[in-house]
Amino acid sequence: MFVIGYYFLGAFLLGAIGGGLRARSMGGKPADIAQYAAVFGIIFGLIGLFITVYLDRMLRG
């Protein structure tokens, strides 16, 4: 149960890192990098949250 509850945190971190790297590769300024990291983190975090809720409901029956 402990592992299932934290998928959204991992997804948020992966999204934030990926967004920051994407902005940096496109030559973004620090504000651009921060914005991309925040937006990608939120999007991936929401996807992870939906996956967490789905798995929790499926495993509990």
C-alpha atoms as a PDB file:
ATOM      1  CA  MET A   1       0.000   0.000   0.000  1.00  0.00           C
ATOM      2  CA  PHE A   2       2.892   2.335   0.750  1.00  0.00           C
ATOM      3  CA  VAL A   3       4.290   2.116  -2.782  1.00  0.00           C
ATOM      4  CA  ILE A   4       0.943   2.740  -4.483  1.00  0.00           C
ATOM      5  CA  GLY A   5       0.321   5.957  -2.564  1.00  0.00           C
ATOM      6  CA  TYR A   6       3.319   7.780  -3.971  1.00  0.00           C
ATOM      7  CA  TYR A   7       3.200   7.301  -7.742  1.00  0.00           C
ATOM      8  CA  PHE A   8       2.186  10.923  -8.199  1.00  0.00           C
ATOM      9  CA  LEU A   9       5.288  12.201  -6.422  1.00  0.00           C
ATOM     10  CA  GLY A  10       7.566  10.194  -8.670  1.00  0.00           C
ATOM     11  CA  ALA A  11       5.633  11.301 -11.722  1.00  0.00           C
ATOM     12  CA  PHE A  12       5.840  14.928 -10.580  1.00  0.00           C
ATOM     13  CA  LEU A  13       9.593  14.722 -10.112  1.00  0.00           C
ATOM     14  CA  LEU A  14      10.156  13.001 -13.449  1.00  0.00           C
ATOM     15  CA  GLY A  15       7.968  15.563 -15.197  1.00  0.00           C
ATOM     16  CA  ALA A  16       9.742  18.473 -13.546  1.00  0.00           C
ATOM     17  CA  ILE A  17      13.173  17.131 -14.437  1.00  0.00           C
ATOM     18  CA  GLY A  18      12.079  16.353 -17.988  1.00  0.00           C
ATOM     19  CA  GLY A  19      10.496  19.771 -18.431  1.00  0.00           C
ATOM     20  CA  GLY A  20      13.562  21.538 -17.118  1.00  0.00           C
ATOM     21  CA  LEU A  21      15.851  19.587 -19.406  1.00  0.00           C
ATOM     22  CA  ARG A  22      13.594  20.248 -22.390  1.00  0.00           C
ATOM     23  CA  ALA A  23      13.583  24.002 -21.752  1.00  0.00           C
ATOM     24  CA  ARG A  24      17.341  24.025 -21.253  1.00  0.00           C
ATOM     25  CA  SER A  25      17.913  22.129 -24.503  1.00  0.00           C
ATOM     26  CA  MET A  26      15.847  24.746 -26.345  1.00  0.00           C
ATOM     27  CA  GLY A  27      18.064  27.506 -24.953  1.00  0.00           C
ATOM     28  CA  GLY A  28      15.645  28.850 -22.360  1.00  0.00           C
ATOM     29  CA  LYS A  29      16.451  31.390 -19.688  1.00  0.00           C
ATOM     30  CA  PRO A  30      16.152  30.385 -16.006  1.00  0.00           C
ATOM     31  CA  ALA A  31      12.552  31.642 -15.838  1.00  0.00           C
ATOM     32  CA  ASP A  32      11.668  29.534 -18.890  1.00  0.00           C
ATOM     33  CA  ILE A  33      13.290  26.484 -17.349  1.00  0.00           C
ATOM     34  CA  ALA A  34      11.373  26.992 -14.100  1.00  0.00           C
ATOM     35  CA  GLN A  35       8.087  27.423 -15.943  1.00  0.00           C
ATOM     36  CA  TYR A  36       8.586  24.303 -18.073  1.00  0.00           C
ATOM     37  CA  ALA A  37       9.583  22.319 -14.987  1.00  0.00           C
ATOM     38  CA  ALA A  38       6.486  23.475 -13.096  1.00  0.00           C
ATOM     39  CA  VAL A  39       4.063  22.815 -15.954  1.00  0.00           C
ATOM     40  CA  PHE A  40       5.487  19.405 -16.843  1.00  0.00           C
ATOM     41  CA  GLY A  41       5.608  18.492 -13.150  1.00  0.00           C
ATOM     42  CA  ILE A  42       1.945  19.392 -12.673  1.00  0.00           C
ATOM     43  CA  ILE A  43       0.854  17.513 -15.805  1.00  0.00           C
ATOM     44  CA  PHE A  44       2.812  14.378 -14.955  1.00  0.00           C
ATOM     45  CA  GLY A  45       1.751  14.631 -11.300  1.00  0.00           C
ATOM     46  CA  LEU A  46      -1.919  14.667 -12.303  1.00  0.00           C
ATOM     47  CA  ILE A  47      -1.403  11.660 -14.545  1.00  0.00           C
ATOM     48  CA  GLY A  48       0.343   9.880 -11.665  1.00  0.00           C
ATOM     49  CA  LEU A  49      -2.503  10.810  -9.331  1.00  0.00           C
ATOM     50  CA  PHE A  50      -5.070   9.290 -11.690  1.00  0.00           C
ATOM     51  CA  ILE A  51      -2.973   6.135 -11.951  1.00  0.00           C
ATOM     52  CA  THR A  52      -2.720   5.985  -8.163  1.00  0.00           C
ATOM     53  CA  VAL A  53      -6.486   6.306  -7.728  1.00  0.00           C
ATOM     54  CA  TYR A  54      -7.126   3.709 -10.428  1.00  0.00           C
ATOM     55  CA  LEU A  55      -4.707   1.180  -8.929  1.00  0.00           C
ATOM     56  CA  ASP A  56      -6.012   1.774  -5.428  1.00  0.00           C
ATOM     57  CA  ARG A  57      -9.608   1.137  -6.499  1.00  0.00           C
ATOM     58  CA  MET A  58      -8.697  -1.909  -8.559  1.00  0.00           C
ATOM     59  CA  LEU A  59      -6.621  -3.542  -5.813  1.00  0.00           C
ATOM     60  CA  ARG A  60      -9.134  -2.878  -3.036  1.00  0.00           C
ATOM     61  CA  GLY A  61     -11.982  -4.258  -5.097  1.00  0.00           C
END
